[in-house]
Protein backbone atom coordinates (compact mmCIF):
# COMPACT_ATOMS: atom_id res chain seq x y z
CA MET A 1 0.01 0.14 -0.13
CA THR A 2 1.16 3.10 -1.04
CA GLU A 3 1.52 5.90 0.87
CA ARG A 4 -0.02 9.81 -0.49
CA PRO A 5 2.10 12.17 -0.08
CA ASP A 6 1.50 15.04 2.36
CA GLY A 7 0.66 17.53 -0.03
CA ALA A 8 -2.33 15.32 -1.54
CA ARG A 9 -3.57 14.13 2.01
CA GLY A 10 -3.89 18.12 3.09
CA ALA A 11 -5.46 18.95 -0.41
CA TRP A 12 -7.95 16.58 0.79
CA ARG A 13 -8.22 17.75 4.27
CA ARG A 14 -8.51 21.27 2.95
CA ILE A 15 -11.46 20.54 0.63
CA ALA A 16 -13.33 17.97 3.50
CA ASP A 17 -13.44 21.54 5.72
CA PHE A 18 -14.61 23.60 2.95
CA VAL A 19 -17.33 21.14 2.42
CA ARG A 20 -18.17 21.14 6.25
CA ARG A 21 -17.97 24.77 6.60
CA GLY A 22 -20.51 24.87 3.33
CA ARG A 23 -23.27 22.38 4.61
CA ALA A 24 -23.69 24.60 7.64
CA ASP A 25 -23.44 28.30 6.20
CA GLU A 26 -26.59 28.69 4.88
CA ARG A 27 -26.21 32.74 2.93
CA GLY A 28 -27.17 32.33 -0.60
CA VAL A 29 -30.03 29.58 -0.22
CA SER A 30 -32.09 32.54 -1.01
CA THR A 31 -30.38 33.36 -4.32
CA ILE A 32 -30.50 30.06 -5.37
CA GLU A 33 -34.02 29.37 -4.63
CA PHE A 34 -35.21 32.51 -6.45
CA ALA A 35 -33.05 31.34 -9.70
CA LEU A 36 -34.60 28.09 -9.55
CA ALA A 37 -38.30 29.08 -8.96
CA SER A 38 -38.22 32.54 -10.99
CA VAL A 39 -37.77 30.67 -14.53
CA PRO A 40 -41.06 28.65 -14.48
CA ILE A 41 -42.57 32.02 -13.14
CA PHE A 42 -41.19 34.10 -15.36
CA LEU A 43 -42.68 31.76 -18.54
CA LEU A 44 -45.73 31.23 -17.27
CA MET A 45 -46.21 35.30 -16.99
CA ILE A 46 -44.85 35.58 -20.62
CA GLY A 47 -47.25 32.39 -21.73
CA THR A 48 -49.94 34.44 -20.01
CA ILE A 49 -49.13 37.57 -21.51
CA GLU A 50 -49.29 35.68 -25.20
CA ILE A 51 -52.94 33.90 -24.38
CA ALA A 52 -54.37 37.52 -23.19
CA LEU A 53 -53.29 39.21 -26.02
CA ASP A 54 -54.59 35.93 -28.96
CA MET A 55 -57.70 36.26 -26.90
CA THR A 56 -57.88 39.78 -27.87
CA VAL A 57 -57.17 39.20 -31.49
CA ASP A 58 -59.58 36.51 -31.75
CA VAL A 59 -62.19 38.98 -30.37
CA THR A 60 -61.52 41.90 -32.28
CA LEU A 61 -62.00 39.13 -35.66
CA GLN A 62 -65.26 38.26 -34.27
CA MET A 63 -66.38 41.54 -33.93
CA ALA A 64 -65.21 42.64 -37.25
CA ALA A 65 -66.69 39.25 -39.33
CA GLN A 66 -69.82 40.47 -37.58
CA ALA A 67 -69.62 43.88 -38.53
CA ALA A 68 -69.02 43.12 -41.78
CA SER A 69 -71.36 40.43 -42.47
CA ARG A 70 -74.12 42.88 -41.61
CA THR A 71 -73.48 44.41 -44.84
CA GLY A 72 -74.87 41.40 -46.69
CA LEU A 73 -78.10 41.94 -44.70
CA THR A 74 -79.08 44.80 -46.57
CA MET A 75 -79.29 45.33 -50.27
CA ALA A 76 -78.64 48.41 -50.38
CA GLU A 77 -75.72 49.28 -52.51
CA PRO A 78 -73.15 51.83 -50.75
CA GLN A 79 -72.46 54.66 -52.17
CA SER A 80 -69.24 54.01 -53.51
CA GLY A 81 -67.86 50.88 -54.45
CA THR A 82 -69.55 47.40 -53.78
CA ARG A 83 -70.86 45.62 -51.17
CA GLU A 84 -68.04 43.41 -50.71
CA ALA A 85 -65.50 46.52 -50.65
CA GLN A 86 -67.65 47.99 -48.09
CA ALA A 87 -67.35 44.59 -45.80
CA GLU A 88 -63.68 44.05 -46.36
CA GLN A 89 -63.52 48.24 -45.32
CA ILE A 90 -65.45 47.61 -42.38
CA ALA A 91 -63.63 44.83 -41.71
CA LEU A 92 -59.97 46.35 -41.63
CA GLN A 93 -61.48 49.18 -39.39
CA TYR A 94 -61.14 46.88 -36.88
CA LEU A 95 -58.82 44.57 -37.58
CA GLY A 96 -56.12 47.54 -39.07
CA MET A 97 -54.12 47.96 -35.96
CA TRP A 98 -52.89 44.46 -36.01
CA ARG A 99 -51.49 45.35 -39.07
CA ASN A 100 -49.06 46.94 -37.37
CA VAL A 101 -47.14 43.74 -35.61
CA GLY A 102 -47.25 42.15 -38.50
CA ALA A 103 -50.95 40.65 -39.20
CA THR A 104 -51.97 40.25 -42.63
CA VAL A 105 -56.29 40.44 -42.70
CA THR A 106 -57.35 38.46 -45.31
CA VAL A 107 -61.55 39.07 -46.12
CA THR A 108 -63.14 37.50 -49.02
CA GLN A 109 -66.75 36.90 -49.84
CA LEU A 110 -68.33 34.15 -51.60
CA ASP A 111 -71.91 34.02 -53.35
CA TYR A 112 -73.84 30.64 -52.60
CA GLY A 113 -77.45 31.74 -54.01
CA SER A 114 -78.88 29.52 -51.54
CA PHE A 115 -78.68 27.47 -48.59
CA ASN A 116 -78.55 24.27 -50.09
CA ASN A 117 -75.53 25.34 -51.98
CA VAL A 118 -73.30 25.50 -48.84
CA GLY A 119 -71.17 22.40 -48.66
CA THR A 120 -72.59 20.79 -50.98
CA PRO A 121 -69.66 18.58 -52.92
CA GLY A 122 -68.40 20.00 -56.36
CA TYR A 123 -70.26 23.40 -56.00
CA VAL A 124 -68.39 26.53 -56.93
CA PRO A 125 -69.84 29.69 -55.26
CA GLY A 126 -69.20 33.00 -57.19
CA ASN A 127 -67.88 36.00 -55.71
CA GLY A 128 -69.09 39.21 -55.30
CA ALA A 129 -72.34 40.15 -52.91
CA GLY A 130 -75.16 38.14 -55.01
CA ASN A 131 -79.10 39.14 -55.72
CA CYS A 132 -81.77 39.59 -53.35
CA GLY A 133 -82.24 36.12 -50.99
CA ASP A 134 -78.91 34.58 -52.18
CA VAL A 135 -76.60 33.49 -49.15
CA GLU A 136 -73.21 35.27 -48.62
CA SER A 137 -70.44 33.56 -46.76
CA TYR A 138 -67.86 36.59 -45.34
CA ASN A 139 -64.38 34.61 -44.39
CA ILE A 140 -61.62 36.72 -42.68
CA GLN A 141 -58.33 35.60 -41.71
CA VAL A 142 -55.80 37.19 -39.66
CA VAL A 143 -52.15 35.68 -40.01
CA MET A 144 -49.43 37.02 -37.76
CA PRO A 145 -46.51 36.02 -35.34
CA GLY A 146 -47.09 35.83 -31.73
CA PHE A 147 -46.48 38.68 -29.51
CA THR A 148 -43.83 36.88 -27.15
CA GLY A 149 -42.22 34.52 -29.27
CA ILE A 150 -43.45 31.86 -27.40
CA ALA A 151 -45.62 30.24 -29.64
CA ALA A 152 -42.64 30.01 -32.22
CA TRP A 153 -41.11 27.59 -29.27
CA PHE A 154 -43.81 25.06 -29.75
CA GLY A 155 -43.23 25.32 -33.48
CA MET A 156 -45.84 27.52 -34.23
CA PRO A 157 -44.11 30.26 -36.18
CA THR A 158 -47.43 32.33 -37.25
CA LEU A 159 -50.59 32.43 -35.41
CA THR A 160 -53.94 31.90 -37.52
CA PHE A 161 -57.24 33.55 -36.73
CA GLN A 162 -60.46 32.84 -38.45
CA ARG A 163 -63.97 33.43 -39.01
CA LYS A 164 -66.67 32.87 -41.16
CA PHE A 165 -70.05 33.79 -41.31
CA LEU A 166 -73.27 33.54 -43.53
CA VAL A 167 -75.99 35.66 -44.13
CA GLN A 168 -78.94 35.59 -46.42
CA ASN A 169 -79.60 38.68 -48.22
CA GLU A 170 -82.57 40.65 -47.15
CA ALA A 171 -85.74 39.74 -49.21
CA CYS A 172 -86.42 42.39 -51.68
């Protein structure tokens, strides 16, 4: 059995003394606990902010779709342009603020003629506002990046919000 030189034995003794003193010393424990607890709390707060902002976009889209679809309920032609252009303009009044954060807003209006044609395989709806009594579909879509970047961590670099309203033009 070989003996350790005095220098090595002294080094082990110093390490053991350091560990013994460290076990009894509680200074810095609060800092370590804060560091461990703050990361999940911070992520939870940022996630809550992201969800709240996404819900705000969704509610704004709902209001825009309802307001835009009202143009299809009346046969009165707007003073300038078409009802389709008017519906898009109304939707953009609600959704224009989201364009400032990189959102793309798309408004489409389709004419189905009657409720029987909605969802019928092979039926191709027409574009435009349709005639008296026709069924109109107002489709509004908002595509935008997430606000905080957390959605990108879960594989969603862009978020898509959409609404579709079916209305029947007023009877003449």
